[in-house]
């Protein structure tokens, strides 16, 4: 749904935000990987943090949150 890239200092944070109807599906972080969104940020040498967040449309709260960090 929404992708944000935040280069902060010597690190880069890539967020994928998904709005879901009912249950967490664990797909926000997987979407970053499957679609190669992070590939162009790996070459700059900064540590890269991939963050997937899933929100409930009805409950208006976070359903799932996953982080993967690396170079």
Protein backbone atom coordinates (compact mmCIF):
# COMPACT_ATOMS: atom_id res chain seq x y z
CA UNK A 1 0.00 0.00 0.00
CA UNK A 2 2.43 2.66 1.16
CA UNK A 3 6.19 2.62 1.02
CA UNK A 4 8.46 5.13 2.77
CA UNK A 5 12.24 5.39 2.68
CA UNK A 6 13.99 7.32 5.44
CA UNK A 7 17.76 7.82 5.19
CA UNK A 8 18.67 8.86 8.74
CA UNK A 9 22.31 9.61 9.38
CA UNK A 10 24.32 6.56 8.43
CA UNK A 11 21.33 4.19 8.20
CA UNK A 12 18.37 3.68 5.87
CA UNK A 13 14.91 2.61 7.02
CA UNK A 14 12.47 1.22 4.44
CA UNK A 15 8.84 0.92 5.61
CA UNK A 16 5.99 -0.98 3.96
CA UNK A 17 2.58 -0.19 5.46
CA UNK A 18 -0.40 -2.46 4.70
CA UNK A 19 -4.03 -1.85 5.67
CA UNK A 20 -5.94 -5.12 6.15
CA UNK A 21 -9.55 -6.03 6.80
CA UNK A 22 -9.28 -8.68 9.51
CA UNK A 23 -6.19 -10.77 10.29
CA UNK A 24 -2.44 -10.14 10.01
CA UNK A 25 -1.01 -11.85 6.95
CA UNK A 26 2.71 -11.23 7.44
CA UNK A 27 3.03 -9.94 3.91
CA UNK A 28 4.27 -6.37 4.40
CA UNK A 29 7.91 -7.33 5.01
CA UNK A 30 7.72 -10.11 2.42
CA UNK A 31 6.45 -7.61 -0.16
CA UNK A 32 9.61 -5.50 0.29
CA UNK A 33 11.73 -8.57 -0.41
CA UNK A 34 9.66 -10.06 -3.25
CA UNK A 35 9.44 -6.83 -5.21
CA UNK A 36 13.07 -5.85 -4.65
CA UNK A 37 12.24 -2.45 -3.17
CA UNK A 38 15.44 -2.46 -1.08
CA UNK A 39 17.86 -3.41 -3.87
CA UNK A 40 18.79 0.12 -4.92
CA UNK A 41 19.55 1.11 -1.31
CA UNK A 42 21.95 -1.77 -0.61
CA UNK A 43 24.71 -0.32 -2.82
CA UNK A 44 25.23 2.87 -0.77
CA UNK A 45 26.92 0.93 2.05
CA UNK A 46 24.62 2.11 4.85
CA UNK A 47 22.96 -0.40 7.15
CA UNK A 48 19.47 -1.11 5.81
CA UNK A 49 16.44 -1.82 8.00
CA UNK A 50 13.31 -3.31 6.40
CA UNK A 51 10.14 -2.71 8.40
CA UNK A 52 6.74 -4.17 7.59
CA UNK A 53 3.66 -2.93 9.45
CA UNK A 54 0.11 -4.23 9.06
CA UNK A 55 -2.87 -2.20 10.30
CA UNK A 56 -6.49 -3.20 10.87
CA UNK A 57 -8.92 -1.05 8.90
CA UNK A 58 -11.82 -1.76 11.27
CA UNK A 59 -10.02 -1.79 14.62
CA UNK A 60 -7.60 0.99 13.66
CA UNK A 61 -4.63 -0.63 15.35
CA UNK A 62 -1.42 -2.42 14.46
CA UNK A 63 -1.99 -6.12 13.69
CA UNK A 64 1.54 -7.14 12.78
CA UNK A 65 5.04 -5.71 12.85
CA UNK A 66 8.21 -7.27 11.43
CA UNK A 67 11.78 -5.95 11.17
CA UNK A 68 14.81 -7.27 9.34
CA UNK A 69 18.14 -5.47 9.63
CA UNK A 70 21.34 -5.98 7.74
CA UNK A 71 23.86 -4.42 5.39
